[in-house]
Structures are given as C-alpha cells and as structure tokens.
Amino acid sequence: QAIYLSSIAVAILERNVSDAKALEFKRQGAAFMGRLIAGVQSWYTQAAVPAGQRLDEAEIARRLLLSFTTGMSLWQTCHPPANMARILKNNAELAMFRLEFEDALDHALNLIWA
C-alpha cells in the first residue's frame, strides 16, 4: 500500500495541498532520505568498503531517489487496472508489457547501484 500511495503522491496528493503542507511533506521526505543515506554510509563502514569505492552523499541520494521513483513506476506498470491487465493477458503481441514486479525491480536496482 505504501508504494501505491507514493505512486499517486505527485499526480494527486501533491497537487491538492497548500505550499506549507507540501513543504512539510518534502521536509519529512528529506529527513527520511537523510536516515537512508546514513544507513548506506554505515553499511560502507561495516562492509569495509574502501574509501575510494564509496559514493558521496549526493550520489547516494541520487541513486536512492532513482530507486524509489523506479520502484513506483514499475509498481504501476506491473499492477495495471483490471481492464488493462485483461487486454495485456489476452493479446500475445503485447507480451512485452507484462512484467513481474520483483524481477523487474531487481534488474533495475542492479543497474542503478552497479
């Protein structure tokens, strides 16, 4: 459900709130992102990743945001409305649009974090 709500945030939720609420929402997101960045940096230490191979904070943030937005997009693609799912299932020439969420996300994350 969290992925679904996140996927509609920009399209619906962020358009229908005051600037103050939007700013509060984004600041909460930035605080959460800060905790994720700290987690990645902590992992570097625990895994003894050499300093020259560690991403800087800005690059970690960029890749986290890419991961998050890719996950939202894949969720929508892999969980279409009932009518679209039926169309995709019943038309072999549209097989290229049928993805399994976990496989697609794993592939995408490997590309982002490689």
C-alpha atoms as a PDB file:
ATOM      1  CA  GLN A   1       0.000   0.000   0.000  1.00  0.00           C
ATOM      2  CA  ALA A   2       2.895   2.377   0.691  1.00  0.00           C
ATOM      3  CA  ILE A   3       4.148   2.013  -2.883  1.00  0.00           C
ATOM      4  CA  TYR A   4       0.651   2.691  -4.219  1.00  0.00           C
ATOM      5  CA  LEU A   5       0.239   5.824  -2.091  1.00  0.00           C
ATOM      6  CA  SER A   6       3.691   7.038  -3.076  1.00  0.00           C
ATOM      7  CA  SER A   7       2.927   6.454  -6.722  1.00  0.00           C
ATOM      8  CA  ILE A   8      -0.084   8.774  -6.591  1.00  0.00           C
ATOM      9  CA  ALA A   9       1.579  11.412  -4.416  1.00  0.00           C
ATOM     10  CA  VAL A  10       2.844  13.558  -7.271  1.00  0.00           C
ATOM     11  CA  ALA A  11      -0.185  13.069  -9.504  1.00  0.00           C
ATOM     12  CA  ILE A  12      -2.835  13.713  -6.866  1.00  0.00           C
ATOM     13  CA  LEU A  13      -1.717  14.401  -3.330  1.00  0.00           C
ATOM     14  CA  GLU A  14       0.994  16.989  -4.002  1.00  0.00           C
ATOM     15  CA  ARG A  15      -1.261  18.991  -6.329  1.00  0.00           C
ATOM     16  CA  ASN A  16      -4.092  19.464  -3.874  1.00  0.00           C
ATOM     17  CA  VAL A  17      -2.342  20.825  -0.793  1.00  0.00           C
ATOM     18  CA  SER A  18      -1.104  24.207   0.350  1.00  0.00           C
ATOM     19  CA  ASP A  19       2.516  25.225  -0.128  1.00  0.00           C
ATOM     20  CA  ALA A  20       3.032  24.890   3.625  1.00  0.00           C
ATOM     21  CA  LYS A  21       1.786  21.280   3.632  1.00  0.00           C
ATOM     22  CA  ALA A  22       3.814  20.451   0.518  1.00  0.00           C
ATOM     23  CA  LEU A  23       6.936  21.904   2.144  1.00  0.00           C
ATOM     24  CA  GLU A  24       6.291  19.908   5.329  1.00  0.00           C
ATOM     25  CA  PHE A  25       5.829  16.719   3.271  1.00  0.00           C
ATOM     26  CA  LYS A  26       9.074  17.280   1.357  1.00  0.00           C
ATOM     27  CA  ARG A  27      10.990  18.123   4.538  1.00  0.00           C
ATOM     28  CA  GLN A  28       9.788  14.865   6.092  1.00  0.00           C
ATOM     29  CA  GLY A  29      10.955  13.085   2.939  1.00  0.00           C
ATOM     30  CA  ALA A  30      14.333  14.805   3.167  1.00  0.00           C
ATOM     31  CA  ALA A  31      14.700  13.715   6.802  1.00  0.00           C
ATOM     32  CA  PHE A  32      13.861  10.141   5.809  1.00  0.00           C
ATOM     33  CA  MET A  33      16.342  10.346   2.934  1.00  0.00           C
ATOM     34  CA  GLY A  34      18.985  11.562   5.395  1.00  0.00           C
ATOM     35  CA  ARG A  35      18.421   8.447   7.512  1.00  0.00           C
ATOM     36  CA  LEU A  36      18.718   6.229   4.431  1.00  0.00           C
ATOM     37  CA  ILE A  37      21.953   7.957   3.376  1.00  0.00           C
ATOM     38  CA  ALA A  38      23.344   7.463   6.878  1.00  0.00           C
ATOM     39  CA  GLY A  39      22.380   3.783   6.638  1.00  0.00           C
ATOM     40  CA  VAL A  40      24.282   3.365   3.370  1.00  0.00           C
ATOM     41  CA  GLN A  41      27.302   5.147   4.820  1.00  0.00           C
ATOM     42  CA  SER A  42      27.154   2.909   7.908  1.00  0.00           C
ATOM     43  CA  TRP A  43      26.993  -0.148   5.667  1.00  0.00           C
ATOM     44  CA  TYR A  44      30.162   1.051   3.911  1.00  0.00           C
ATOM     45  CA  THR A  45      31.953   1.005   7.256  1.00  0.00           C
ATOM     46  CA  GLN A  46      30.549  -2.361   8.327  1.00  0.00           C
ATOM     47  CA  ALA A  47      31.331  -3.972   4.984  1.00  0.00           C
ATOM     48  CA  ALA A  48      34.810  -2.426   4.975  1.00  0.00           C
ATOM     49  CA  VAL A  49      34.272  -0.852   1.562  1.00  0.00           C
ATOM     50  CA  PRO A  50      37.469   1.013   0.613  1.00  0.00           C
ATOM     51  CA  ALA A  51      37.122   4.802   0.772  1.00  0.00           C
ATOM     52  CA  GLY A  52      37.821   5.159  -2.958  1.00  0.00           C
ATOM     53  CA  GLN A  53      34.851   2.946  -3.814  1.00  0.00           C
ATOM     54  CA  ARG A  54      32.292   4.734  -1.620  1.00  0.00           C
ATOM     55  CA  LEU A  55      29.704   7.029  -3.135  1.00  0.00           C
ATOM     56  CA  ASP A  56      29.443  10.548  -1.749  1.00  0.00           C
ATOM     57  CA  GLU A  57      26.275  11.742  -0.050  1.00  0.00           C
ATOM     58  CA  ALA A  58      24.891  13.460  -3.164  1.00  0.00           C
ATOM     59  CA  GLU A  59      25.383  10.331  -5.297  1.00  0.00           C
ATOM     60  CA  ILE A  60      23.797   8.105  -2.650  1.00  0.00           C
ATOM     61  CA  ALA A  61      20.800  10.467  -2.536  1.00  0.00           C
ATOM     62  CA  ARG A  62      20.538  10.457  -6.339  1.00  0.00           C
ATOM     63  CA  ARG A  63      20.584   6.666  -6.518  1.00  0.00           C
ATOM     64  CA  LEU A  64      18.098   6.322  -3.660  1.00  0.00           C
ATOM     65  CA  LEU A  65      15.712   8.699  -5.428  1.00  0.00           C
ATOM     66  CA  LEU A  66      16.185   6.833  -8.706  1.00  0.00           C
ATOM     67  CA  SER A  67      15.469   3.560  -6.876  1.00  0.00           C
ATOM     68  CA  PHE A  68      12.343   4.939  -5.246  1.00  0.00           C
ATOM     69  CA  THR A  69      10.885   6.504  -8.384  1.00  0.00           C
ATOM     70  CA  THR A  70      11.765   3.448 -10.482  1.00  0.00           C
ATOM     71  CA  GLY A  71      10.003   1.244  -7.939  1.00  0.00           C
ATOM     72  CA  MET A  72       6.887   3.431  -8.087  1.00  0.00           C
ATOM     73  CA  SER A  73       6.831   3.373 -11.875  1.00  0.00           C
ATOM     74  CA  LEU A  74       7.356  -0.381 -12.022  1.00  0.00           C
ATOM     75  CA  TRP A  75       4.607  -0.909  -9.444  1.00  0.00           C
ATOM     76  CA  GLN A  76       2.140   0.953 -11.666  1.00  0.00           C
ATOM     77  CA  THR A  77       3.302  -0.898 -14.774  1.00  0.00           C
ATOM     78  CA  CYS A  78       3.165  -4.322 -13.105  1.00  0.00           C
ATOM     79  CA  HIS A  79      -0.212  -3.718 -11.454  1.00  0.00           C
ATOM     80  CA  PRO A  80      -2.389  -2.231 -14.202  1.00  0.00           C
ATOM     81  CA  PRO A  81      -6.121  -1.619 -13.826  1.00  0.00           C
ATOM     82  CA  ALA A  82      -8.293  -4.709 -14.400  1.00  0.00           C
ATOM     83  CA  ASN A  83      -9.254  -3.778 -17.971  1.00  0.00           C
ATOM     84  CA  MET A  84      -5.622  -3.205 -18.999  1.00  0.00           C
ATOM     85  CA  ALA A  85      -4.478  -6.419 -17.284  1.00  0.00           C
ATOM     86  CA  ARG A  86      -7.124  -8.317 -19.251  1.00  0.00           C
ATOM     87  CA  ILE A  87      -6.028  -6.709 -22.527  1.00  0.00           C
ATOM     88  CA  LEU A  88      -2.365  -7.491 -21.862  1.00  0.00           C
ATOM     89  CA  LYS A  89      -3.166 -11.070 -20.878  1.00  0.00           C
ATOM     90  CA  ASN A  90      -5.339 -11.779 -23.911  1.00  0.00           C
ATOM     91  CA  ASN A  91      -3.128 -10.290 -26.623  1.00  0.00           C
ATOM     92  CA  ALA A  92       0.157 -12.087 -27.262  1.00  0.00           C
ATOM     93  CA  GLU A  93       1.611  -9.181 -29.249  1.00  0.00           C
ATOM     94  CA  LEU A  94       1.521  -7.124 -26.028  1.00  0.00           C
ATOM     95  CA  ALA A  95       3.593  -9.600 -24.006  1.00  0.00           C
ATOM     96  CA  MET A  96       6.456  -7.095 -23.835  1.00  0.00           C
ATOM     97  CA  PHE A  97       4.336  -5.005 -21.453  1.00  0.00           C
ATOM     98  CA  ARG A  98       3.829  -7.825 -18.952  1.00  0.00           C
ATOM     99  CA  LEU A  99       6.429  -7.626 -16.203  1.00  0.00           C
ATOM    100  CA  GLU A 100       6.802  -9.329 -12.845  1.00  0.00           C
ATOM    101  CA  PHE A 101       7.396  -6.617 -10.266  1.00  0.00           C
ATOM    102  CA  GLU A 102      10.078  -8.360  -8.209  1.00  0.00           C
ATOM    103  CA  ASP A 103      12.129  -9.428 -11.238  1.00  0.00           C
ATOM    104  CA  ALA A 104      11.859  -6.029 -12.899  1.00  0.00           C
ATOM    105  CA  LEU A 105      12.740  -4.158  -9.706  1.00  0.00           C
ATOM    106  CA  ASP A 106      15.708  -6.427  -9.010  1.00  0.00           C
ATOM    107  CA  HIS A 107      17.009  -5.836 -12.536  1.00  0.00           C
ATOM    108  CA  ALA A 108      16.517  -2.068 -12.322  1.00  0.00           C
ATOM    109  CA  LEU A 109      18.157  -1.767  -8.896  1.00  0.00           C
ATOM    110  CA  ASN A 110      21.149  -3.741 -10.095  1.00  0.00           C
ATOM    111  CA  LEU A 111      21.555  -1.256 -12.942  1.00  0.00           C
ATOM    112  CA  ILE A 112      21.159   1.774 -10.664  1.00  0.00           C
ATOM    113  CA  TRP A 113      23.561   0.550  -7.983  1.00  0.00           C
ATOM    114  CA  ALA A 114      26.157  -1.143 -10.251  1.00  0.00           C
END
